Amino acid sequence: MNVIKLPFLIKLEMSAEIEYQPYKKVVVHEAIKYSFDELVSEVLLQARALGGTSVPSIGWCEGVAFIIQQFPLTEAIVEEMLRGVVHYAGVLYAIKENYEPEVRTPMGIVRLINRCNNPNFVRLAKFLKELDGWG
């Protein structure tokens, strides 16, 4: 470790206080159910239409595969987020009981990202299952 010696003594408080403020509320404005195969196809078609060269991904949590469609970050949306309310324009979802890291189809590969470490996604999965009559 290199130490820079200064001609005079300076004592600085270099650590900032860290405050965690999780979202208080998630508002889903539209939920669209697909079969899992349809959801994978939709993701692959969108990736191709956008000219993507990377492997697209789908979130997964507690038996639900999902894609969140965000609103553009307008001033009003950012203000809501700072108040603790996040708005999802839409959630595309499919029931997928078992997790697997990737799905291979003739159209391409899609990665499933396990989101169960986020309490909001655990609640979202439960909410979507209840919409579907699974809850």
N, C-alpha and C. Protein backbone atom coordinates (compact mmCIF):
# COMPACT_ATOMS: atom_id res chain seq x y z
N MET A 1 0.85 -1.18 0.00
CA MET A 1 0.00 0.00 0.00
C MET A 1 0.89 1.24 0.00
N ASN A 2 0.66 2.13 -0.92
CA ASN A 2 1.44 3.38 -0.98
C ASN A 2 0.80 4.43 -0.07
N VAL A 3 1.64 5.09 0.67
CA VAL A 3 1.17 6.15 1.56
C VAL A 3 1.78 7.46 1.08
N ILE A 4 0.94 8.45 0.93
CA ILE A 4 1.41 9.77 0.55
C ILE A 4 1.58 10.59 1.82
N LYS A 5 2.79 11.10 2.03
CA LYS A 5 3.04 11.91 3.21
C LYS A 5 2.83 13.37 2.85
N LEU A 6 2.04 14.03 3.64
CA LEU A 6 1.75 15.45 3.43
C LEU A 6 2.57 16.27 4.43
N PRO A 7 2.91 17.50 4.06
CA PRO A 7 3.74 18.33 4.95
C PRO A 7 3.00 18.75 6.22
N PHE A 8 1.70 18.58 6.27
CA PHE A 8 0.96 18.94 7.47
C PHE A 8 -0.08 17.84 7.72
N LEU A 9 -0.58 17.78 8.89
CA LEU A 9 -1.50 16.73 9.29
C LEU A 9 -2.93 17.10 8.90
N ILE A 10 -3.56 16.23 8.17
CA ILE A 10 -4.96 16.43 7.80
C ILE A 10 -5.72 15.20 8.29
N LYS A 11 -6.74 15.44 9.03
CA LYS A 11 -7.57 14.33 9.49
C LYS A 11 -8.94 14.48 8.83
N LEU A 12 -9.25 13.53 7.98
CA LEU A 12 -10.52 13.56 7.26
C LEU A 12 -11.38 12.38 7.67
N GLU A 13 -12.62 12.61 7.82
CA GLU A 13 -13.58 11.53 8.05
C GLU A 13 -14.01 11.05 6.67
N MET A 14 -13.53 9.88 6.28
CA MET A 14 -13.72 9.40 4.91
C MET A 14 -14.90 8.44 4.76
N SER A 15 -15.55 8.11 5.84
CA SER A 15 -16.64 7.16 5.69
C SER A 15 -17.98 7.87 5.80
N ALA A 16 -18.85 7.50 4.89
CA ALA A 16 -20.19 8.09 4.88
C ALA A 16 -21.14 7.17 5.62
N GLU A 17 -22.17 7.73 6.16
CA GLU A 17 -23.22 6.94 6.77
C GLU A 17 -23.99 6.24 5.65
N ILE A 18 -24.29 4.98 5.82
CA ILE A 18 -25.04 4.21 4.84
C ILE A 18 -26.42 3.95 5.41
N GLU A 19 -27.42 4.28 4.64
CA GLU A 19 -28.80 4.05 5.06
C GLU A 19 -29.49 3.21 3.99
N TYR A 20 -30.13 2.15 4.41
CA TYR A 20 -30.86 1.28 3.50
C TYR A 20 -32.33 1.66 3.52
N GLN A 21 -32.89 1.96 2.35
CA GLN A 21 -34.29 2.32 2.24
C GLN A 21 -34.95 1.45 1.17
N PRO A 22 -35.41 0.28 1.55
CA PRO A 22 -36.06 -0.58 0.55
C PRO A 22 -37.38 0.04 0.09
N TYR A 23 -37.80 -0.39 -1.09
CA TYR A 23 -39.10 0.08 -1.58
C TYR A 23 -40.19 -0.37 -0.62
N LYS A 24 -41.18 0.48 -0.43
CA LYS A 24 -42.30 0.17 0.45
C LYS A 24 -43.43 -0.50 -0.30
N LYS A 25 -43.47 -0.25 -1.62
CA LYS A 25 -44.60 -0.73 -2.40
C LYS A 25 -44.17 -0.94 -3.85
N VAL A 26 -44.65 -2.02 -4.44
CA VAL A 26 -44.44 -2.27 -5.86
C VAL A 26 -45.81 -2.30 -6.52
N VAL A 27 -45.99 -1.49 -7.54
CA VAL A 27 -47.26 -1.42 -8.25
C VAL A 27 -47.08 -2.07 -9.62
N VAL A 28 -47.85 -3.12 -9.88
CA VAL A 28 -47.83 -3.79 -11.18
C VAL A 28 -49.05 -3.30 -11.95
N HIS A 29 -48.81 -2.64 -13.07
CA HIS A 29 -49.91 -2.07 -13.84
C HIS A 29 -50.52 -3.06 -14.82
N GLU A 30 -49.75 -4.06 -15.23
CA GLU A 30 -50.29 -5.07 -16.14
C GLU A 30 -49.51 -6.36 -15.93
N ALA A 31 -50.22 -7.47 -15.84
CA ALA A 31 -49.58 -8.79 -15.72
C ALA A 31 -50.10 -9.65 -16.86
N ILE A 32 -49.20 -10.17 -17.67
CA ILE A 32 -49.58 -10.96 -18.84
C ILE A 32 -48.98 -12.34 -18.70
N LYS A 33 -49.85 -13.34 -18.67
CA LYS A 33 -49.41 -14.72 -18.50
C LYS A 33 -49.14 -15.37 -19.85
N TYR A 34 -48.05 -16.12 -19.92
CA TYR A 34 -47.67 -16.91 -21.08
C TYR A 34 -47.43 -18.34 -20.62
N SER A 35 -47.39 -19.26 -21.57
CA SER A 35 -46.78 -20.55 -21.25
C SER A 35 -45.28 -20.29 -21.20
N PHE A 36 -44.53 -21.17 -20.55
CA PHE A 36 -43.09 -20.94 -20.45
C PHE A 36 -42.44 -20.89 -21.82
N ASP A 37 -42.83 -21.81 -22.71
CA ASP A 37 -42.26 -21.83 -24.07
C ASP A 37 -42.56 -20.53 -24.82
N GLU A 38 -43.77 -20.00 -24.64
CA GLU A 38 -44.12 -18.72 -25.28
C GLU A 38 -43.29 -17.57 -24.73
N LEU A 39 -43.06 -17.58 -23.42
CA LEU A 39 -42.26 -16.52 -22.80
C LEU A 39 -40.82 -16.55 -23.33
N VAL A 40 -40.25 -17.75 -23.42
CA VAL A 40 -38.90 -17.90 -23.95
C VAL A 40 -38.85 -17.41 -25.40
N SER A 41 -39.83 -17.81 -26.21
CA SER A 41 -39.88 -17.37 -27.61
C SER A 41 -40.00 -15.86 -27.71
N GLU A 42 -40.83 -15.26 -26.88
CA GLU A 42 -41.02 -13.81 -26.87
C GLU A 42 -39.70 -13.10 -26.57
N VAL A 43 -38.97 -13.60 -25.59
CA VAL A 43 -37.68 -12.99 -25.22
C VAL A 43 -36.68 -13.11 -26.36
N LEU A 44 -36.62 -14.28 -26.97
CA LEU A 44 -35.68 -14.48 -28.07
C LEU A 44 -36.04 -13.62 -29.29
N LEU A 45 -37.34 -13.50 -29.59
CA LEU A 45 -37.76 -12.65 -30.71
C LEU A 45 -37.42 -11.18 -30.46
N GLN A 46 -37.66 -10.71 -29.24
CA GLN A 46 -37.34 -9.32 -28.89
C GLN A 46 -35.84 -9.08 -28.97
N ALA A 47 -35.05 -10.04 -28.49
CA ALA A 47 -33.59 -9.89 -28.54
C ALA A 47 -33.12 -9.80 -29.99
N ARG A 48 -33.68 -10.63 -30.85
CA ARG A 48 -33.30 -10.58 -32.27
C ARG A 48 -33.72 -9.27 -32.91
N ALA A 49 -34.94 -8.81 -32.60
CA ALA A 49 -35.45 -7.56 -33.19
C ALA A 49 -34.57 -6.38 -32.79
N LEU A 50 -34.00 -6.43 -31.59
CA LEU A 50 -33.13 -5.35 -31.13
C LEU A 50 -31.69 -5.52 -31.59
N GLY A 51 -31.44 -6.59 -32.32
CA GLY A 51 -30.09 -6.83 -32.82
C GLY A 51 -29.13 -7.29 -31.76
N GLY A 52 -29.66 -7.87 -30.70
CA GLY A 52 -28.82 -8.31 -29.59
C GLY A 52 -27.91 -9.47 -29.95
N THR A 53 -26.71 -9.42 -29.42
CA THR A 53 -25.76 -10.50 -29.65
C THR A 53 -25.47 -11.27 -28.37
N SER A 54 -25.95 -10.78 -27.24
CA SER A 54 -25.73 -11.48 -25.98
C SER A 54 -26.91 -12.42 -25.70
N VAL A 55 -26.74 -13.28 -24.72
CA VAL A 55 -27.78 -14.23 -24.35
C VAL A 55 -28.80 -13.51 -23.48
N PRO A 56 -30.08 -13.47 -23.90
CA PRO A 56 -31.09 -12.79 -23.09
C PRO A 56 -31.40 -13.58 -21.81
N SER A 57 -32.01 -12.90 -20.85
CA SER A 57 -32.30 -13.56 -19.59
C SER A 57 -33.74 -13.30 -19.15
N ILE A 58 -34.21 -14.20 -18.30
CA ILE A 58 -35.54 -14.13 -17.69
C ILE A 58 -35.32 -14.32 -16.19
N GLY A 59 -36.00 -13.52 -15.39
CA GLY A 59 -35.94 -13.71 -13.95
C GLY A 59 -36.74 -14.94 -13.55
N TRP A 60 -36.34 -15.57 -12.45
CA TRP A 60 -37.08 -16.72 -11.92
C TRP A 60 -37.07 -16.64 -10.40
N CYS A 61 -38.22 -16.94 -9.81
CA CYS A 61 -38.31 -16.96 -8.35
C CYS A 61 -39.48 -17.84 -7.94
N GLU A 62 -39.21 -18.80 -7.10
CA GLU A 62 -40.22 -19.65 -6.47
C GLU A 62 -41.29 -20.15 -7.44
N GLY A 63 -40.84 -20.67 -8.56
CA GLY A 63 -41.76 -21.31 -9.49
C GLY A 63 -42.37 -20.39 -10.54
N VAL A 64 -41.88 -19.16 -10.63
CA VAL A 64 -42.41 -18.21 -11.61
C VAL A 64 -41.25 -17.61 -12.40
N ALA A 65 -41.35 -17.68 -13.71
CA ALA A 65 -40.40 -17.00 -14.60
C ALA A 65 -41.04 -15.67 -15.00
N PHE A 66 -40.26 -14.61 -15.03
CA PHE A 66 -40.87 -13.30 -15.30
C PHE A 66 -39.89 -12.33 -15.95
N ILE A 67 -40.48 -11.38 -16.64
CA ILE A 67 -39.77 -10.25 -17.23
C ILE A 67 -40.50 -9.00 -16.78
N ILE A 68 -39.76 -8.05 -16.26
CA ILE A 68 -40.37 -6.80 -15.81
C ILE A 68 -40.17 -5.74 -16.88
N GLN A 69 -41.26 -5.11 -17.26
CA GLN A 69 -41.20 -3.99 -18.20
C GLN A 69 -41.29 -2.70 -17.39
N GLN A 70 -40.25 -1.90 -17.48
CA GLN A 70 -40.16 -0.67 -16.69
C GLN A 70 -40.78 0.51 -17.45
N PHE A 71 -41.25 1.49 -16.70
CA PHE A 71 -41.60 2.78 -17.28
C PHE A 71 -40.30 3.55 -17.54
N PRO A 72 -40.30 4.47 -18.49
CA PRO A 72 -39.13 5.34 -18.64
C PRO A 72 -38.92 6.13 -17.34
N LEU A 73 -37.68 6.44 -17.03
CA LEU A 73 -37.38 7.16 -15.79
C LEU A 73 -37.66 8.65 -15.95
N THR A 74 -38.92 8.99 -15.93
CA THR A 74 -39.33 10.39 -15.98
C THR A 74 -39.17 11.00 -14.58
N GLU A 75 -39.32 12.30 -14.50
CA GLU A 75 -39.23 12.97 -13.21
C GLU A 75 -40.27 12.42 -12.24
N ALA A 76 -41.49 12.19 -12.72
CA ALA A 76 -42.56 11.68 -11.86
C ALA A 76 -42.25 10.28 -11.34
N ILE A 77 -41.72 9.42 -12.20
CA ILE A 77 -41.37 8.05 -11.78
C ILE A 77 -40.25 8.07 -10.76
N VAL A 78 -39.24 8.89 -10.98
CA VAL A 78 -38.13 8.99 -10.03
C VAL A 78 -38.63 9.52 -8.69
N GLU A 79 -39.52 10.51 -8.70
CA GLU A 79 -40.08 11.03 -7.45
C GLU A 79 -40.81 9.93 -6.69
N GLU A 80 -41.59 9.11 -7.40
CA GLU A 80 -42.28 7.99 -6.77
C GLU A 80 -41.28 7.01 -6.16
N MET A 81 -40.23 6.71 -6.90
CA MET A 81 -39.22 5.78 -6.41
C MET A 81 -38.56 6.31 -5.14
N LEU A 82 -38.28 7.61 -5.11
CA LEU A 82 -37.68 8.21 -3.92
C LEU A 82 -38.63 8.19 -2.73
N ARG A 83 -39.93 8.13 -3.00
CA ARG A 83 -40.94 7.99 -1.94
C ARG A 83 -41.12 6.52 -1.54
N GLY A 84 -40.45 5.62 -2.25
CA GLY A 84 -40.53 4.21 -1.89
C GLY A 84 -41.52 3.40 -2.69
N VAL A 85 -42.01 3.95 -3.80
CA VAL A 85 -42.99 3.23 -4.63
C VAL A 85 -42.39 3.02 -6.01
N VAL A 86 -42.26 1.76 -6.41
CA VAL A 86 -41.76 1.45 -7.74
C VAL A 86 -42.94 0.97 -8.59
N HIS A 87 -42.99 1.44 -9.83
CA HIS A 87 -44.07 1.08 -10.75
C HIS A 87 -43.52 0.22 -11.87
N TYR A 88 -44.12 -0.95 -12.09
CA TYR A 88 -43.79 -1.79 -13.24
C TYR A 88 -44.89 -1.58 -14.27
N ALA A 89 -44.51 -1.16 -15.46
CA ALA A 89 -45.50 -0.99 -16.53
C ALA A 89 -46.17 -2.32 -16.82
N GLY A 90 -45.38 -3.39 -16.82
CA GLY A 90 -45.93 -4.70 -17.05
C GLY A 90 -45.01 -5.78 -16.54
N VAL A 91 -45.59 -6.92 -16.26
CA VAL A 91 -44.83 -8.11 -15.91
C VAL A 91 -45.33 -9.24 -16.80
N LEU A 92 -44.44 -9.76 -17.62
CA LEU A 92 -44.74 -10.93 -18.43
C LEU A 92 -44.28 -12.13 -17.60
N TYR A 93 -45.14 -13.14 -17.47
CA TYR A 93 -44.75 -14.23 -16.59
C TYR A 93 -45.29 -15.57 -17.08
N ALA A 94 -44.66 -16.62 -16.54
CA ALA A 94 -45.07 -17.99 -16.83
C ALA A 94 -44.75 -18.83 -15.60
N ILE A 95 -45.58 -19.83 -15.35
CA ILE A 95 -45.29 -20.76 -14.28
C ILE A 95 -44.17 -21.69 -14.75
N LYS A 96 -43.12 -21.76 -13.96
CA LYS A 96 -41.97 -22.65 -14.25
C LYS A 96 -41.49 -23.17 -12.91
N GLU A 97 -42.00 -24.32 -12.52
CA GLU A 97 -41.76 -24.83 -11.18
C GLU A 97 -40.28 -25.03 -10.87
N ASN A 98 -39.53 -25.62 -11.77
CA ASN A 98 -38.14 -25.96 -11.49
C ASN A 98 -37.18 -24.96 -12.13
N TYR A 99 -36.20 -24.56 -11.33
CA TYR A 99 -35.17 -23.65 -11.82
C TYR A 99 -34.12 -24.42 -12.61
N GLU A 100 -33.67 -23.85 -13.69
CA GLU A 100 -32.51 -24.33 -14.42
C GLU A 100 -31.77 -23.10 -14.93
N PRO A 101 -30.43 -23.12 -14.92
CA PRO A 101 -29.68 -21.91 -15.26
C PRO A 101 -29.88 -21.41 -16.68
N GLU A 102 -30.13 -22.31 -17.62
CA GLU A 102 -30.38 -21.85 -18.99
C GLU A 102 -31.32 -22.81 -19.70
N VAL A 103 -31.99 -22.27 -20.70
CA VAL A 103 -32.94 -23.03 -21.50
C VAL A 103 -32.46 -22.95 -22.94
N ARG A 104 -32.31 -24.08 -23.57
CA ARG A 104 -31.88 -24.15 -24.97
C ARG A 104 -33.07 -24.54 -25.83
N THR A 105 -33.30 -23.76 -26.87
CA THR A 105 -34.35 -24.06 -27.83
C THR A 105 -33.75 -23.96 -29.23
N PRO A 106 -34.48 -24.42 -30.25
CA PRO A 106 -33.97 -24.24 -31.62
C PRO A 106 -33.78 -22.76 -31.98
N MET A 107 -34.52 -21.86 -31.32
CA MET A 107 -34.40 -20.42 -31.59
C MET A 107 -33.18 -19.80 -30.91
N GLY A 108 -32.68 -20.44 -29.84
CA GLY A 108 -31.55 -19.87 -29.13
C GLY A 108 -31.53 -20.25 -27.66
N ILE A 109 -30.68 -19.57 -26.92
CA ILE A 109 -30.49 -19.84 -25.48
C ILE A 109 -30.99 -18.65 -24.68
N VAL A 110 -31.66 -18.96 -23.57
CA VAL A 110 -32.11 -17.95 -22.62
C VAL A 110 -31.60 -18.36 -21.24
N ARG A 111 -31.04 -17.42 -20.51
CA ARG A 111 -30.60 -17.69 -19.14
C ARG A 111 -31.73 -17.38 -18.18
N LEU A 112 -31.88 -18.23 -17.18
CA LEU A 112 -32.80 -17.94 -16.07
C LEU A 112 -31.94 -17.42 -14.92
N ILE A 113 -32.32 -16.29 -14.37
CA ILE A 113 -31.59 -15.68 -13.26
C ILE A 113 -32.42 -15.89 -11.99
N ASN A 114 -31.85 -16.58 -11.04
CA ASN A 114 -32.55 -16.86 -9.79
C ASN A 114 -32.61 -15.57 -8.97
N ARG A 115 -33.81 -15.05 -8.77
CA ARG A 115 -34.01 -13.78 -8.06
C ARG A 115 -34.55 -13.96 -6.65
N CYS A 116 -34.50 -15.20 -6.14
CA CYS A 116 -35.09 -15.49 -4.83
C CYS A 116 -34.38 -14.80 -3.67
N ASN A 117 -33.21 -14.21 -3.89
CA ASN A 117 -32.50 -13.51 -2.83
C ASN A 117 -33.06 -12.10 -2.60
N ASN A 118 -34.02 -11.69 -3.42
CA ASN A 118 -34.63 -10.36 -3.29
C ASN A 118 -36.06 -10.52 -2.75
N PRO A 119 -36.35 -10.01 -1.55
CA PRO A 119 -37.69 -10.18 -0.97
C PRO A 119 -38.82 -9.61 -1.85
N ASN A 120 -38.52 -8.56 -2.61
CA ASN A 120 -39.57 -8.02 -3.48
C ASN A 120 -39.93 -8.99 -4.59
N PHE A 121 -38.94 -9.72 -5.12
CA PHE A 121 -39.24 -10.70 -6.16
C PHE A 121 -39.93 -11.93 -5.58
N VAL A 122 -39.63 -12.27 -4.32
CA VAL A 122 -40.36 -13.36 -3.66
C VAL A 122 -41.83 -12.99 -3.55
N ARG A 123 -42.10 -11.75 -3.13
CA ARG A 123 -43.49 -11.28 -3.03
C ARG A 123 -44.16 -11.19 -4.40
N LEU A 124 -43.40 -10.75 -5.41
CA LEU A 124 -43.93 -10.68 -6.77
C LEU A 124 -44.33 -12.06 -7.26
N ALA A 125 -43.48 -13.06 -7.02
CA ALA A 125 -43.79 -14.43 -7.43
C ALA A 125 -45.06 -14.91 -6.75
N LYS A 126 -45.19 -14.64 -5.47
CA LYS A 126 -46.39 -15.03 -4.74
C LYS A 126 -47.63 -14.34 -5.32
N PHE A 127 -47.50 -13.04 -5.59
CA PHE A 127 -48.60 -12.26 -6.18
C PHE A 127 -49.03 -12.86 -7.53
N LEU A 128 -48.05 -13.18 -8.38
CA LEU A 128 -48.37 -13.72 -9.70
C LEU A 128 -48.99 -15.11 -9.60
N LYS A 129 -48.54 -15.91 -8.65
CA LYS A 129 -49.16 -17.22 -8.44
C LYS A 129 -50.61 -17.07 -7.99
N GLU A 130 -50.87 -16.09 -7.12
CA GLU A 130 -52.24 -15.84 -6.66
C GLU A 130 -53.12 -15.39 -7.82
N LEU A 131 -52.58 -14.54 -8.70
CA LEU A 131 -53.32 -14.15 -9.90
C LEU A 131 -53.68 -15.36 -10.74
N ASP A 132 -52.77 -16.30 -10.76
CA ASP A 132 -52.92 -17.50 -11.58
C ASP A 132 -53.76 -18.57 -10.89
N GLY A 133 -54.12 -18.33 -9.63
CA GLY A 133 -54.90 -19.32 -8.90
C GLY A 133 -54.05 -20.37 -8.20
N TRP A 134 -52.74 -20.13 -8.10
CA TRP A 134 -51.84 -21.09 -7.43
C TRP A 134 -51.64 -20.76 -5.96
N GLY A 135 -51.94 -19.53 -5.56
CA GLY A 135 -51.58 -19.07 -4.22
C GLY A 135 -52.44 -19.51 -3.10
